[in-house]
N, C-alpha and C. Protein backbone atom coordinates (compact mmCIF):
# COMPACT_ATOMS: atom_id res chain seq x y z
N UNK A 1 38.07 -1.70 33.46
CA UNK A 1 37.01 -2.65 33.73
C UNK A 1 35.64 -1.95 33.74
N UNK A 2 35.60 -0.77 34.34
CA UNK A 2 34.34 -0.02 34.42
C UNK A 2 33.83 0.35 33.02
N UNK A 3 34.74 0.70 32.13
CA UNK A 3 34.36 1.05 30.76
C UNK A 3 33.74 -0.15 30.04
N UNK A 4 34.29 -1.31 30.26
CA UNK A 4 33.74 -2.52 29.65
C UNK A 4 32.34 -2.83 30.18
N UNK A 5 32.15 -2.63 31.46
CA UNK A 5 30.83 -2.85 32.05
C UNK A 5 29.80 -1.89 31.46
N UNK A 6 30.20 -0.64 31.24
CA UNK A 6 29.30 0.34 30.62
C UNK A 6 28.96 -0.07 29.20
N UNK A 7 29.96 -0.53 28.46
CA UNK A 7 29.70 -0.96 27.09
C UNK A 7 28.77 -2.17 27.05
N UNK A 8 28.98 -3.10 27.96
CA UNK A 8 28.10 -4.28 28.03
C UNK A 8 26.68 -3.86 28.36
N UNK A 9 26.52 -2.94 29.31
CA UNK A 9 25.19 -2.46 29.67
C UNK A 9 24.53 -1.77 28.48
N UNK A 10 25.28 -0.97 27.77
CA UNK A 10 24.74 -0.28 26.59
C UNK A 10 24.34 -1.28 25.50
N UNK A 11 25.20 -2.25 25.26
CA UNK A 11 24.90 -3.26 24.24
C UNK A 11 23.70 -4.12 24.63
N UNK A 12 23.60 -4.43 25.91
CA UNK A 12 22.45 -5.21 26.39
C UNK A 12 21.16 -4.44 26.17
N UNK A 13 21.18 -3.16 26.48
CA UNK A 13 20.00 -2.31 26.28
C UNK A 13 19.64 -2.23 24.79
N UNK A 14 20.64 -2.09 23.94
CA UNK A 14 20.41 -2.02 22.50
C UNK A 14 19.80 -3.32 21.98
N UNK A 15 20.30 -4.44 22.43
CA UNK A 15 19.76 -5.74 22.02
C UNK A 15 18.31 -5.88 22.47
N UNK A 16 18.00 -5.47 23.67
CA UNK A 16 16.62 -5.54 24.17
C UNK A 16 15.70 -4.65 23.35
N UNK A 17 16.15 -3.44 23.02
CA UNK A 17 15.35 -2.54 22.19
C UNK A 17 15.10 -3.13 20.82
N UNK A 18 16.14 -3.68 20.22
CA UNK A 18 15.99 -4.29 18.90
C UNK A 18 15.08 -5.51 18.94
N UNK A 19 15.15 -6.25 20.01
CA UNK A 19 14.28 -7.41 20.18
C UNK A 19 12.82 -6.97 20.23
N UNK A 20 12.55 -5.89 20.94
CA UNK A 20 11.18 -5.35 20.99
C UNK A 20 10.69 -4.92 19.61
N UNK A 21 11.57 -4.29 18.85
CA UNK A 21 11.21 -3.84 17.51
C UNK A 21 10.89 -5.04 16.62
N UNK A 22 11.72 -6.05 16.68
CA UNK A 22 11.50 -7.25 15.86
C UNK A 22 10.20 -7.94 16.25
N UNK A 23 9.90 -8.02 17.52
CA UNK A 23 8.66 -8.65 17.97
C UNK A 23 7.45 -7.87 17.47
N UNK A 24 7.52 -6.55 17.53
CA UNK A 24 6.41 -5.73 17.04
C UNK A 24 6.24 -5.89 15.53
N UNK A 25 7.35 -5.90 14.81
CA UNK A 25 7.28 -6.07 13.36
C UNK A 25 6.73 -7.44 12.99
N UNK A 26 7.07 -8.45 13.76
CA UNK A 26 6.56 -9.79 13.49
C UNK A 26 5.03 -9.83 13.59
N UNK A 27 4.49 -9.18 14.61
CA UNK A 27 3.03 -9.16 14.76
C UNK A 27 2.38 -8.33 13.66
N UNK A 28 3.00 -7.22 13.26
CA UNK A 28 2.46 -6.41 12.18
C UNK A 28 2.47 -7.18 10.86
N UNK A 29 3.54 -7.91 10.61
CA UNK A 29 3.64 -8.71 9.38
C UNK A 29 2.57 -9.79 9.38
N UNK A 30 2.32 -10.40 10.52
CA UNK A 30 1.29 -11.44 10.61
C UNK A 30 -0.09 -10.85 10.28
N UNK A 31 -0.38 -9.67 10.81
CA UNK A 31 -1.67 -9.02 10.53
C UNK A 31 -1.78 -8.68 9.05
N UNK A 32 -0.73 -8.11 8.50
CA UNK A 32 -0.75 -7.74 7.09
C UNK A 32 -0.86 -8.96 6.19
N UNK A 33 -0.21 -10.05 6.55
CA UNK A 33 -0.29 -11.28 5.77
C UNK A 33 -1.72 -11.81 5.76
N UNK A 34 -2.38 -11.79 6.91
CA UNK A 34 -3.79 -12.23 6.97
C UNK A 34 -4.67 -11.34 6.12
N UNK A 35 -4.44 -10.03 6.16
CA UNK A 35 -5.25 -9.11 5.36
C UNK A 35 -5.06 -9.34 3.86
N UNK A 36 -3.82 -9.54 3.44
CA UNK A 36 -3.56 -9.80 2.03
C UNK A 36 -4.23 -11.10 1.61
N UNK A 37 -4.16 -12.12 2.45
CA UNK A 37 -4.80 -13.39 2.15
C UNK A 37 -6.31 -13.21 1.98
N UNK A 38 -6.93 -12.46 2.90
CA UNK A 38 -8.37 -12.21 2.80
C UNK A 38 -8.72 -11.44 1.53
N UNK A 39 -7.92 -10.45 1.19
CA UNK A 39 -8.17 -9.68 -0.03
C UNK A 39 -8.01 -10.54 -1.27
N UNK A 40 -7.03 -11.41 -1.27
CA UNK A 40 -6.84 -12.31 -2.41
C UNK A 40 -8.03 -13.27 -2.54
N UNK A 41 -8.54 -13.75 -1.41
CA UNK A 41 -9.72 -14.62 -1.45
C UNK A 41 -10.92 -13.87 -2.01
N UNK A 42 -11.15 -12.66 -1.53
CA UNK A 42 -12.28 -11.86 -2.01
C UNK A 42 -12.17 -11.60 -3.51
N UNK A 43 -10.99 -11.24 -3.95
CA UNK A 43 -10.80 -10.96 -5.37
C UNK A 43 -10.99 -12.23 -6.19
N UNK A 44 -10.53 -13.36 -5.69
CA UNK A 44 -10.75 -14.63 -6.38
C UNK A 44 -12.22 -14.95 -6.50
N UNK A 45 -12.96 -14.73 -5.42
CA UNK A 45 -14.41 -14.97 -5.45
C UNK A 45 -15.10 -14.01 -6.42
N UNK A 46 -14.67 -12.77 -6.44
CA UNK A 46 -15.24 -11.77 -7.33
C UNK A 46 -15.00 -12.15 -8.80
N UNK A 47 -13.79 -12.61 -9.10
CA UNK A 47 -13.47 -13.04 -10.45
C UNK A 47 -14.25 -14.28 -10.83
N UNK A 48 -14.44 -15.19 -9.88
CA UNK A 48 -15.20 -16.42 -10.15
C UNK A 48 -16.66 -16.11 -10.45
N UNK A 49 -17.19 -15.05 -9.86
CA UNK A 49 -18.58 -14.66 -10.10
C UNK A 49 -18.74 -13.91 -11.41
N UNK A 50 -17.65 -13.54 -12.03
CA UNK A 50 -17.72 -12.87 -13.32
C UNK A 50 -17.83 -11.37 -13.24
N UNK A 51 -17.75 -10.80 -12.06
CA UNK A 51 -17.85 -9.35 -11.95
C UNK A 51 -16.48 -8.70 -11.97
N UNK A 52 -15.47 -9.44 -12.31
CA UNK A 52 -14.12 -8.90 -12.34
C UNK A 52 -13.74 -8.37 -13.71
N UNK A 53 -14.72 -7.83 -14.43
CA UNK A 53 -14.44 -7.35 -15.78
C UNK A 53 -13.61 -6.07 -15.74
N UNK A 54 -12.89 -5.85 -16.79
CA UNK A 54 -12.02 -4.69 -16.90
C UNK A 54 -12.79 -3.58 -17.60
N UNK A 55 -12.74 -2.38 -17.05
CA UNK A 55 -13.41 -1.24 -17.65
C UNK A 55 -12.51 -0.69 -18.75
N UNK A 56 -13.04 -0.62 -19.95
CA UNK A 56 -12.27 -0.08 -21.07
C UNK A 56 -12.39 1.43 -21.10
N UNK A 57 -11.43 2.09 -21.74
CA UNK A 57 -11.40 3.55 -21.76
C UNK A 57 -12.56 4.18 -22.50
N UNK A 58 -13.12 3.49 -23.50
CA UNK A 58 -14.19 4.09 -24.28
C UNK A 58 -15.58 3.74 -23.77
N UNK A 59 -15.67 3.01 -22.67
CA UNK A 59 -16.97 2.67 -22.09
C UNK A 59 -17.47 3.84 -21.25
N UNK A 60 -18.79 4.01 -21.26
CA UNK A 60 -19.38 5.04 -20.41
C UNK A 60 -19.42 4.53 -18.97
N UNK A 61 -19.15 5.40 -18.03
CA UNK A 61 -19.26 5.00 -16.62
C UNK A 61 -20.71 4.64 -16.30
N UNK A 62 -20.97 3.85 -15.29
CA UNK A 62 -22.31 3.38 -14.98
C UNK A 62 -23.27 4.50 -14.57
N UNK A 63 -22.79 5.66 -14.18
CA UNK A 63 -23.69 6.72 -13.73
C UNK A 63 -24.27 7.54 -14.88
N UNK A 64 -23.89 7.27 -16.15
CA UNK A 64 -24.48 8.01 -17.27
C UNK A 64 -25.78 7.42 -17.69
């Protein structure tokens, strides 16, 4: 009986640890999702303004 109680205590601790990890990952994913959304909006606005041109290999860089 004592061995089972130890196993239950160990499993309970493991579940709590994993729950903490999942909660932390959920908040990190939410932050990253917001950042990706903001970057996509910025890039969309940049393309709409026409400054999203592609630099070709034979073009001189702007500092020349």
